[in-house]
Amino acid sequence: MKVTVVMDNTVPIGAKHPFLGEHGLSLLIEPGKSRILLDAGQSSAVVNNLSLLGVSPATIDMAVLSHGHYDHAGGFYHVLAHAKKTMPFYAHPNIFAPRFSVASGSRKYVGIPYTKDQLTTLGADWRFVDEPILLGPDLWLSGAVPHVTDYEQGDVKLIVEHDGCDCQDGIVDDMAIYHVNGCDMVVIGGCTHAGLVNTVRHGFAVTGATRLVGWIGGTHLGPVGEKQQSATIEALAAWRPNFVAANHCTGFPMMSALHKKFGSKFIAAFIGTVIEW
């Protein structure tokens, strides 16, 4: 199993290619000979980075959107335009909700910047799901993740319009991918707005796995409160994973905390990073 970081906020020092970085995430998942693109950053930069990695959009077999935010969804317009084919596209039905970020007195739209019809015209073959499903052998899509851990309160700056009112966005469409080998599980996430602990526990329940081998992707620990940050890191440490590959919304302070906690098991998953197991 192989995961390559196509898009992240950071291009690493010493990168062998002129990658383009932006606030966003995209992961290329390769189980065997197939290719799954989880998220696509926010712009056409994802196509540049795929090209530098030797991957043509036309060779991508399946698209998966972790949740409906611009920095994960925007790049799919360009991926589909270059792929020039119909592509199975898995997502939660709620991805097109009207979403905003409120901070420092400003209100900014952070939802998907394209309509469903625009993406359909480019080749998105929508497979809307809210329950766990198998994407392939030993590879699960989580469906909606139950919010059950009391300290995982999410990001109060993210809101959604509902019946004319602004409410904190629970981001019910947040999904992850689980790779299972016997009792072992690796979680591949986008932003993990549902909470890292909720997401892992849901994975155990869905797949029947009992051991967390690894974590890959955004943790959204950067924007949340200190209680959630510390409790999440302790819970993650208790599972004793072989590796923790964090990026994007984790933020540098939390990446530093994870490195301190996990030492050589921590991977700064910047653009071009390859994780294999």
C-alpha atoms as a PDB file:
ATOM      1  CA  MET A   1       0.000   0.000   0.000  1.00  0.00           C
ATOM      2  CA  LYS A   2       1.319   3.416  -0.959  1.00  0.00           C
ATOM      3  CA  VAL A   3       0.176   6.983  -0.261  1.00  0.00           C
ATOM      4  CA  THR A   4       1.845  10.022  -1.843  1.00  0.00           C
ATOM      5  CA  VAL A   5       1.218  13.588  -0.689  1.00  0.00           C
ATOM      6  CA  VAL A   6       0.277  15.521  -3.848  1.00  0.00           C
ATOM      7  CA  MET A   7      -0.782  18.775  -2.174  1.00  0.00           C
ATOM      8  CA  ASP A   8      -0.099  20.305   1.215  1.00  0.00           C
ATOM      9  CA  ASN A   9       0.537  23.745   2.691  1.00  0.00           C
ATOM     10  CA  THR A  10       4.290  23.128   2.543  1.00  0.00           C
ATOM     11  CA  VAL A  11       6.911  22.249  -0.045  1.00  0.00           C
ATOM     12  CA  PRO A  12       9.789  20.591   1.850  1.00  0.00           C
ATOM     13  CA  ILE A  13      13.330  21.927   1.801  1.00  0.00           C
ATOM     14  CA  GLY A  14      15.304  19.951  -0.744  1.00  0.00           C
ATOM     15  CA  ALA A  15      12.282  18.941  -2.836  1.00  0.00           C
ATOM     16  CA  LYS A  16      13.479  17.320  -6.064  1.00  0.00           C
ATOM     17  CA  HIS A  17      10.779  18.985  -8.167  1.00  0.00           C
ATOM     18  CA  PRO A  18       9.313  22.523  -8.440  1.00  0.00           C
ATOM     19  CA  PHE A  19       6.131  21.598  -6.583  1.00  0.00           C
ATOM     20  CA  LEU A  20       3.454  24.203  -5.937  1.00  0.00           C
ATOM     21  CA  GLY A  21       2.182  24.456  -2.361  1.00  0.00           C
ATOM     22  CA  GLU A  22      -1.065  25.990  -1.131  1.00  0.00           C
ATOM     23  CA  HIS A  23      -3.403  25.782   1.828  1.00  0.00           C
ATOM     24  CA  GLY A  24      -4.976  22.471   0.911  1.00  0.00           C
ATOM     25  CA  LEU A  25      -4.584  18.720   0.789  1.00  0.00           C
ATOM     26  CA  SER A  26      -4.474  15.966  -1.807  1.00  0.00           C
ATOM     27  CA  LEU A  27      -3.341  12.382  -1.336  1.00  0.00           C
ATOM     28  CA  LEU A  28      -2.749   9.775  -4.045  1.00  0.00           C
ATOM     29  CA  ILE A  29      -3.642   6.332  -2.713  1.00  0.00           C
ATOM     30  CA  GLU A  30      -2.316   3.331  -4.631  1.00  0.00           C
ATOM     31  CA  PRO A  31      -3.642  -0.035  -3.486  1.00  0.00           C
ATOM     32  CA  GLY A  32      -1.982  -2.313  -5.994  1.00  0.00           C
ATOM     33  CA  LYS A  33      -2.300  -1.024  -9.560  1.00  0.00           C
ATOM     34  CA  SER A  34      -5.310   1.246  -9.016  1.00  0.00           C
ATOM     35  CA  ARG A  35      -5.153   4.962  -8.206  1.00  0.00           C
ATOM     36  CA  ILE A  36      -7.489   6.848  -5.885  1.00  0.00           C
ATOM     37  CA  LEU A  37      -7.241  10.613  -5.423  1.00  0.00           C
ATOM     38  CA  LEU A  38      -8.432  11.712  -1.986  1.00  0.00           C
ATOM     39  CA  ASP A  39      -9.062  15.469  -2.189  1.00  0.00           C
ATOM     40  CA  ALA A  40      -7.421  17.776  -4.715  1.00  0.00           C
ATOM     41  CA  GLY A  41      -6.312  20.979  -2.992  1.00  0.00           C
ATOM     42  CA  GLN A  42      -7.924  24.269  -4.002  1.00  0.00           C
ATOM     43  CA  SER A  43      -6.582  25.053  -7.472  1.00  0.00           C
ATOM     44  CA  SER A  44      -4.914  23.821 -10.660  1.00  0.00           C
ATOM     45  CA  ALA A  45      -1.682  23.389  -8.675  1.00  0.00           C
ATOM     46  CA  VAL A  46      -2.688  19.770  -8.026  1.00  0.00           C
ATOM     47  CA  VAL A  47      -2.328  19.012 -11.756  1.00  0.00           C
ATOM     48  CA  ASN A  48       1.175  20.520 -11.750  1.00  0.00           C
ATOM     49  CA  ASN A  49       2.194  18.349  -8.812  1.00  0.00           C
ATOM     50  CA  LEU A  50       0.646  15.192 -10.258  1.00  0.00           C
ATOM     51  CA  SER A  51       2.610  15.798 -13.449  1.00  0.00           C
ATOM     52  CA  LEU A  52       5.868  16.183 -11.531  1.00  0.00           C
ATOM     53  CA  LEU A  53       5.097  12.907  -9.763  1.00  0.00           C
ATOM     54  CA  GLY A  54       4.630  11.223 -13.146  1.00  0.00           C
ATOM     55  CA  VAL A  55       0.880  10.803 -12.763  1.00  0.00           C
ATOM     56  CA  SER A  56      -1.555  11.805 -15.494  1.00  0.00           C
ATOM     57  CA  PRO A  57      -5.062  12.692 -14.277  1.00  0.00           C
ATOM     58  CA  ALA A  58      -6.345  10.291 -16.947  1.00  0.00           C
ATOM     59  CA  THR A  59      -4.784   7.391 -15.000  1.00  0.00           C
ATOM     60  CA  ILE A  60      -6.741   8.154 -11.811  1.00  0.00           C
ATOM     61  CA  ASP A  61      -9.421   5.502 -11.333  1.00  0.00           C
ATOM     62  CA  MET A  62     -11.495   7.083  -8.571  1.00  0.00           C
ATOM     63  CA  ALA A  63     -11.988  10.397  -6.778  1.00  0.00           C
ATOM     64  CA  VAL A  64     -12.946  10.735  -3.108  1.00  0.00           C
ATOM     65  CA  LEU A  65     -13.768  14.010  -1.363  1.00  0.00           C
ATOM     66  CA  SER A  66     -13.256  13.983   2.394  1.00  0.00           C
ATOM     67  CA  HIS A  67     -15.596  16.975   2.966  1.00  0.00           C
ATOM     68  CA  GLY A  68     -16.981  20.047   1.241  1.00  0.00           C
ATOM     69  CA  HIS A  69     -14.338  22.741   1.779  1.00  0.00           C
ATOM     70  CA  TYR A  70     -12.655  24.687  -1.030  1.00  0.00           C
ATOM     71  CA  ASP A  71      -9.122  23.668  -0.031  1.00  0.00           C
ATOM     72  CA  HIS A  72      -9.958  20.002  -0.576  1.00  0.00           C
ATOM     73  CA  ALA A  73     -12.464  20.242  -3.423  1.00  0.00           C
ATOM     74  CA  GLY A  74     -11.418  23.137  -5.682  1.00  0.00           C
ATOM     75  CA  GLY A  75      -8.698  21.242  -7.511  1.00  0.00           C
ATOM     76  CA  PHE A  76     -11.068  18.525  -8.700  1.00  0.00           C
ATOM     77  CA  TYR A  77     -12.371  20.895 -11.387  1.00  0.00           C
ATOM     78  CA  HIS A  78      -8.900  20.872 -12.942  1.00  0.00           C
ATOM     79  CA  VAL A  79      -8.250  17.158 -12.377  1.00  0.00           C
ATOM     80  CA  LEU A  80     -11.493  16.252 -14.145  1.00  0.00           C
ATOM     81  CA  ALA A  81     -10.836  18.736 -16.959  1.00  0.00           C
ATOM     82  CA  HIS A  82      -7.445  17.143 -17.643  1.00  0.00           C
ATOM     83  CA  ALA A  83      -8.623  13.562 -17.158  1.00  0.00           C
ATOM     84  CA  LYS A  84     -11.249  13.984 -19.916  1.00  0.00           C
ATOM     85  CA  LYS A  85     -13.224  10.950 -18.809  1.00  0.00           C
ATOM     86  CA  THR A  86     -16.030   9.897 -16.518  1.00  0.00           C
ATOM     87  CA  MET A  87     -14.650   9.200 -13.060  1.00  0.00           C
ATOM     88  CA  PRO A  88     -16.389   7.585 -10.065  1.00  0.00           C
ATOM     89  CA  PHE A  89     -16.577  10.344  -7.450  1.00  0.00           C
ATOM     90  CA  TYR A  90     -17.376   9.378  -3.852  1.00  0.00           C
ATOM     91  CA  ALA A  91     -18.585  11.984  -1.378  1.00  0.00           C
ATOM     92  CA  HIS A  92     -21.164  12.616   1.310  1.00  0.00           C
ATOM     93  CA  PRO A  93     -24.508  14.117   0.158  1.00  0.00           C
ATOM     94  CA  ASN A  94     -23.932  17.235   2.306  1.00  0.00           C
ATOM     95  CA  ILE A  95     -20.747  18.463   0.563  1.00  0.00           C
ATOM     96  CA  PHE A  96     -22.436  21.422  -1.139  1.00  0.00           C
ATOM     97  CA  ALA A  97     -23.662  23.028   2.105  1.00  0.00           C
ATOM     98  CA  PRO A  98     -23.161  26.869   2.287  1.00  0.00           C
ATOM     99  CA  ARG A  99     -20.092  27.173   4.506  1.00  0.00           C
ATOM    100  CA  PHE A 100     -18.219  30.120   5.965  1.00  0.00           C
ATOM    101  CA  SER A 101     -15.316  30.929   8.249  1.00  0.00           C
ATOM    102  CA  VAL A 102     -15.762  33.761  10.739  1.00  0.00           C
ATOM    103  CA  ALA A 103     -12.617  35.311  12.208  1.00  0.00           C
ATOM    104  CA  SER A 104     -11.383  38.826  13.095  1.00  0.00           C
ATOM    105  CA  GLY A 105     -14.729  40.315  12.213  1.00  0.00           C
ATOM    106  CA  SER A 106     -14.804  38.953   8.671  1.00  0.00           C
ATOM    107  CA  ARG A 107     -17.000  36.282   7.090  1.00  0.00           C
ATOM    108  CA  LYS A 108     -15.409  34.254   4.285  1.00  0.00           C
ATOM    109  CA  TYR A 109     -17.010  31.624   2.053  1.00  0.00           C
ATOM    110  CA  VAL A 110     -15.116  28.320   2.421  1.00  0.00           C
ATOM    111  CA  GLY A 111     -17.446  25.888   0.650  1.00  0.00           C
ATOM    112  CA  ILE A 112     -16.938  24.189  -2.708  1.00  0.00           C
ATOM    113  CA  PRO A 113     -16.265  26.856  -5.379  1.00  0.00           C
ATOM    114  CA  TYR A 114     -18.016  24.925  -8.163  1.00  0.00           C
ATOM    115  CA  THR A 115     -21.536  23.588  -8.567  1.00  0.00           C
ATOM    116  CA  LYS A 116     -22.496  19.958  -8.774  1.00  0.00           C
ATOM    117  CA  ASP A 117     -23.555  20.479 -12.397  1.00  0.00           C
ATOM    118  CA  GLN A 118     -20.195  21.978 -13.362  1.00  0.00           C
ATOM    119  CA  LEU A 119     -18.299  18.996 -11.959  1.00  0.00           C
ATOM    120  CA  THR A 120     -20.778  16.548 -13.464  1.00  0.00           C
ATOM    121  CA  THR A 121     -20.259  18.098 -16.890  1.00  0.00           C
ATOM    122  CA  LEU A 122     -16.519  17.544 -16.531  1.00  0.00           C
ATOM    123  CA  GLY A 123     -17.007  13.845 -15.758  1.00  0.00           C
ATOM    124  CA  ALA A 124     -17.824  13.436 -12.050  1.00  0.00           C
ATOM    125  CA  ASP A 125     -19.891  10.251 -11.697  1.00  0.00           C
ATOM    126  CA  TRP A 126     -21.346  10.964  -8.267  1.00  0.00           C
ATOM    127  CA  ARG A 127     -21.558   8.176  -5.697  1.00  0.00           C
ATOM    128  CA  PHE A 128     -23.065   9.909  -2.659  1.00  0.00           C
ATOM    129  CA  VAL A 129     -22.729   7.861   0.534  1.00  0.00           C
ATOM    130  CA  ASP A 130     -23.315   8.445   4.232  1.00  0.00           C
ATOM    131  CA  GLU A 131     -22.741   4.869   5.417  1.00  0.00           C
ATOM    132  CA  PRO A 132     -19.477   2.887   5.371  1.00  0.00           C
ATOM    133  CA  ILE A 133     -18.746   1.136   2.075  1.00  0.00           C
ATOM    134  CA  LEU A 134     -15.903  -0.888   0.572  1.00  0.00           C
ATOM    135  CA  LEU A 135     -13.957   0.982  -2.102  1.00  0.00           C
ATOM    136  CA  GLY A 136     -11.926  -2.117  -2.854  1.00  0.00           C
ATOM    137  CA  PRO A 137     -10.329  -5.109  -1.120  1.00  0.00           C
ATOM    138  CA  ASP A 138      -9.440  -4.121   2.461  1.00  0.00           C
ATOM    139  CA  LEU A 139     -10.204  -0.452   1.740  1.00  0.00           C
ATOM    140  CA  TRP A 140     -13.185   1.203   3.443  1.00  0.00           C
ATOM    141  CA  LEU A 141     -14.762   4.631   3.092  1.00  0.00           C
ATOM    142  CA  SER A 142     -15.980   5.641   6.537  1.00  0.00           C
ATOM    143  CA  GLY A 143     -19.285   7.281   5.694  1.00  0.00           C
ATOM    144  CA  ALA A 144     -20.399   9.862   8.270  1.00  0.00           C
ATOM    145  CA  VAL A 145     -18.339   9.611  11.471  1.00  0.00           C
ATOM    146  CA  PRO A 146     -20.361   9.691  14.723  1.00  0.00           C
ATOM    147  CA  HIS A 147     -19.404  12.557  17.059  1.00  0.00           C
ATOM    148  CA  VAL A 148     -19.228  10.812  20.426  1.00  0.00           C
ATOM    149  CA  THR A 149     -15.983  11.930  22.112  1.00  0.00           C
ATOM    150  CA  ASP A 150     -16.845  14.724  24.548  1.00  0.00           C
ATOM    151  CA  TYR A 151     -13.650  16.755  24.157  1.00  0.00           C
ATOM    152  CA  GLU A 152     -13.748  16.770  20.349  1.00  0.00           C
ATOM    153  CA  GLN A 153     -15.742  19.973  19.991  1.00  0.00           C
ATOM    154  CA  GLY A 154     -14.490  21.051  16.572  1.00  0.00           C
ATOM    155  CA  ASP A 155     -13.698  24.529  15.250  1.00  0.00           C
ATOM    156  CA  VAL A 156     -16.076  27.279  16.428  1.00  0.00           C
ATOM    157  CA  LYS A 157     -14.896  29.595  13.624  1.00  0.00           C
ATOM    158  CA  LEU A 158     -16.479  27.367  10.966  1.00  0.00           C
ATOM    159  CA  ILE A 159     -20.172  28.002  10.399  1.00  0.00           C
ATOM    160  CA  VAL A 160     -22.927  26.863   8.053  1.00  0.00           C
ATOM    161  CA  GLU A 161     -26.091  28.647   6.960  1.00  0.00           C
ATOM    162  CA  HIS A 162     -29.234  26.821   8.036  1.00  0.00           C
ATOM    163  CA  ASP A 163     -32.760  28.231   7.785  1.00  0.00           C
ATOM    164  CA  GLY A 164     -31.364  31.741   7.513  1.00  0.00           C
ATOM    165  CA  CYS A 165     -29.179  31.426  10.620  1.00  0.00           C
ATOM    166  CA  ASP A 166     -25.470  30.845  11.123  1.00  0.00           C
ATOM    167  CA  CYS A 167     -24.650  27.753  13.206  1.00  0.00           C
ATOM    168  CA  GLN A 168     -21.367  26.093  14.107  1.00  0.00           C
ATOM    169  CA  ASP A 169     -20.664  23.658  11.308  1.00  0.00           C
ATOM    170  CA  GLY A 170     -20.477  20.089  12.600  1.00  0.00           C
ATOM    171  CA  ILE A 171     -19.249  19.110   9.108  1.00  0.00           C
ATOM    172  CA  VAL A 172     -21.282  15.916   9.098  1.00  0.00           C
ATOM    173  CA  ASP A 173     -19.912  15.087   5.644  1.00  0.00           C
ATOM    174  CA  ASP A 174     -16.388  14.573   7.004  1.00  0.00           C
ATOM    175  CA  MET A 175     -15.112  11.126   5.946  1.00  0.00           C
ATOM    176  CA  ALA A 176     -11.889   9.123   6.033  1.00  0.00           C
ATOM    177  CA  ILE A 177     -10.510   6.008   4.367  1.00  0.00           C
ATOM    178  CA  TYR A 178      -9.479   2.908   6.318  1.00  0.00           C
ATOM    179  CA  HIS A 179      -6.984   0.341   5.042  1.00  0.00           C
ATOM    180  CA  VAL A 180      -7.228  -2.954   6.903  1.00  0.00           C
ATOM    181  CA  ASN A 181      -4.884  -5.928   7.004  1.00  0.00           C
ATOM    182  CA  GLY A 182      -6.213  -8.517   9.432  1.00  0.00           C
ATOM    183  CA  CYS A 183      -6.470  -6.733  12.787  1.00  0.00           C
ATOM    184  CA  ASP A 184      -4.298  -3.808  11.645  1.00  0.00           C
ATOM    185  CA  MET A 185      -5.703  -0.499  10.407  1.00  0.00           C
ATOM    186  CA  VAL A 186      -4.240   2.626   8.799  1.00  0.00           C
ATOM    187  CA  VAL A 187      -6.438   5.759   8.734  1.00  0.00           C
ATOM    188  CA  ILE A 188      -6.156   8.153   5.780  1.00  0.00           C
ATOM    189  CA  GLY A 189      -7.943  11.420   6.494  1.00  0.00           C
ATOM    190  CA  GLY A 190      -8.589  14.817   4.962  1.00  0.00           C
ATOM    191  CA  CYS A 191      -9.049  17.407   7.721  1.00  0.00           C
ATOM    192  CA  THR A 192     -10.657  15.060  10.250  1.00  0.00           C
ATOM    193  CA  HIS A 193     -13.201  17.663  11.326  1.00  0.00           C
ATOM    194  CA  ALA A 194     -15.144  14.817  12.981  1.00  0.00           C
ATOM    195  CA  GLY A 195     -12.242  14.412  15.408  1.00  0.00           C
ATOM    196  CA  LEU A 196      -9.231  12.132  15.177  1.00  0.00           C
ATOM    197  CA  VAL A 197     -10.371   9.965  18.081  1.00  0.00           C
ATOM    198  CA  ASN A 198     -13.922   9.680  16.741  1.00  0.00           C
ATOM    199  CA  THR A 199     -12.523   8.746  13.328  1.00  0.00           C
ATOM    200  CA  VAL A 200     -10.226   6.020  14.656  1.00  0.00           C
ATOM    201  CA  ARG A 201     -12.889   4.532  16.922  1.00  0.00           C
ATOM    202  CA  HIS A 202     -15.382   4.513  14.054  1.00  0.00           C
ATOM    203  CA  GLY A 203     -12.772   2.724  11.952  1.00  0.00           C
ATOM    204  CA  PHE A 204     -12.413  -0.034  14.516  1.00  0.00           C
ATOM    205  CA  ALA A 205     -16.201  -0.446  14.641  1.00  0.00           C
ATOM    206  CA  VAL A 206     -16.597  -0.483  10.847  1.00  0.00           C
ATOM    207  CA  THR A 207     -13.694  -2.732   9.919  1.00  0.00           C
ATOM    208  CA  GLY A 208     -13.330  -5.014  12.934  1.00  0.00           C
ATOM    209  CA  ALA A 209      -9.663  -4.032  13.246  1.00  0.00           C
ATOM    210  CA  THR A 210      -8.213  -3.709  16.731  1.00  0.00           C
ATOM    211  CA  ARG A 211      -4.799  -2.086  16.189  1.00  0.00           C
ATOM    212  CA  LEU A 212      -3.981   1.339  14.793  1.00  0.00           C
ATOM    213  CA  VAL A 213      -0.857   0.919  12.674  1.00  0.00           C
ATOM    214  CA  GLY A 214      -0.735   4.406  11.239  1.00  0.00           C
ATOM    215  CA  TRP A 215      -2.341   7.785  10.629  1.00  0.00           C
ATOM    216  CA  ILE A 216      -2.012   9.859   7.442  1.00  0.00           C
ATOM    217  CA  GLY A 217      -3.423  13.327   6.694  1.00  0.00           C
ATOM    218  CA  GLY A 218      -4.766  16.430   8.355  1.00  0.00           C
ATOM    219  CA  THR A 219      -5.741  16.291  12.031  1.00  0.00           C
ATOM    220  CA  HIS A 220      -7.355  19.747  12.425  1.00  0.00           C
ATOM    221  CA  LEU A 221      -5.591  20.012  15.770  1.00  0.00           C
ATOM    222  CA  GLY A 222      -4.191  23.440  14.894  1.00  0.00           C
ATOM    223  CA  PRO A 223      -7.449  25.428  15.172  1.00  0.00           C
ATOM    224  CA  VAL A 224      -9.078  23.617  18.130  1.00  0.00           C
ATOM    225  CA  GLY A 225      -8.731  24.236  21.871  1.00  0.00           C
ATOM    226  CA  GLU A 226      -5.859  23.101  24.086  1.00  0.00           C
ATOM    227  CA  LYS A 227      -8.010  20.495  25.848  1.00  0.00           C
ATOM    228  CA  GLN A 228      -8.832  18.768  22.588  1.00  0.00           C
ATOM    229  CA  GLN A 229      -5.242  19.043  21.413  1.00  0.00           C
ATOM    230  CA  SER A 230      -3.681  17.420  24.480  1.00  0.00           C
ATOM    231  CA  ALA A 231      -6.385  14.778  24.948  1.00  0.00           C
ATOM    232  CA  THR A 232      -6.176  13.765  21.281  1.00  0.00           C
ATOM    233  CA  ILE A 233      -2.396  13.378  21.353  1.00  0.00           C
ATOM    234  CA  GLU A 234      -2.606  11.252  24.502  1.00  0.00           C
ATOM    235  CA  ALA A 235      -5.331   9.048  22.992  1.00  0.00           C
ATOM    236  CA  LEU A 236      -3.291   8.641  19.803  1.00  0.00           C
ATOM    237  CA  ALA A 237      -0.205   7.703  21.818  1.00  0.00           C
ATOM    238  CA  ALA A 238      -2.191   5.068  23.737  1.00  0.00           C
ATOM    239  CA  TRP A 239      -2.887   3.267  20.437  1.00  0.00           C
ATOM    240  CA  ARG A 240       0.892   3.037  19.850  1.00  0.00           C
ATOM    241  CA  PRO A 241       0.872   3.474  16.049  1.00  0.00           C
ATOM    242  CA  ASN A 242       3.935   2.631  13.957  1.00  0.00           C
ATOM    243  CA  PHE A 243       3.756   6.015  12.251  1.00  0.00           C
ATOM    244  CA  VAL A 244       1.892   9.334  12.388  1.00  0.00           C
ATOM    245  CA  ALA A 245       2.111  11.244   9.086  1.00  0.00           C
ATOM    246  CA  ALA A 246       0.436  14.609   9.741  1.00  0.00           C
ATOM    247  CA  ASN A 247       0.089  17.722   7.622  1.00  0.00           C
ATOM    248  CA  HIS A 248      -2.188  20.551   6.392  1.00  0.00           C
ATOM    249  CA  CYS A 249      -4.547  21.708   9.199  1.00  0.00           C
ATOM    250  CA  THR A 250      -2.368  20.145  11.906  1.00  0.00           C
ATOM    251  CA  GLY A 251      -0.286  23.316  12.034  1.00  0.00           C
ATOM    252  CA  PHE A 252       3.389  23.650  12.943  1.00  0.00           C
ATOM    253  CA  PRO A 253       2.930  23.901  16.749  1.00  0.00           C
ATOM    254  CA  MET A 254       0.921  20.668  16.799  1.00  0.00           C
ATOM    255  CA  MET A 255       3.305  18.985  14.353  1.00  0.00           C
ATOM    256  CA  SER A 256       6.088  19.897  16.765  1.00  0.00           C
ATOM    257  CA  ALA A 257       4.080  18.419  19.656  1.00  0.00           C
ATOM    258  CA  LEU A 258       3.478  15.229  17.682  1.00  0.00           C
ATOM    259  CA  HIS A 259       7.168  14.977  16.834  1.00  0.00           C
ATOM    260  CA  LYS A 260       8.041  15.387  20.496  1.00  0.00           C
ATOM    261  CA  LYS A 261       5.548  12.658  21.446  1.00  0.00           C
ATOM    262  CA  PHE A 262       6.293  10.134  18.700  1.00  0.00           C
ATOM    263  CA  GLY A 263       9.921  10.845  17.823  1.00  0.00           C
ATOM    264  CA  SER A 264      11.084   8.885  14.764  1.00  0.00           C
ATOM    265  CA  LYS A 265       7.546   7.550  14.250  1.00  0.00           C
ATOM    266  CA  PHE A 266       6.392  11.044  13.279  1.00  0.00           C
ATOM    267  CA  ILE A 267       6.408  11.986   9.585  1.00  0.00           C
ATOM    268  CA  ALA A 268       6.073  15.593   8.429  1.00  0.00           C
ATOM    269  CA  ALA A 269       3.892  14.732   5.429  1.00  0.00           C
ATOM    270  CA  PHE A 270       4.770  17.622   3.125  1.00  0.00           C
ATOM    271  CA  ILE A 271       4.358  17.586  -0.678  1.00  0.00           C
ATOM    272  CA  GLY A 272       6.092  14.629  -2.293  1.00  0.00           C
ATOM    273  CA  THR A 273       6.222  12.531   0.874  1.00  0.00           C
ATOM    274  CA  VAL A 274       5.628   8.826   0.215  1.00  0.00           C
ATOM    275  CA  ILE A 275       4.311   6.509   2.925  1.00  0.00           C
ATOM    276  CA  GLU A 276       4.323   2.759   2.314  1.00  0.00           C
ATOM    277  CA  TRP A 277       3.334  -0.154   4.524  1.00  0.00           C
END
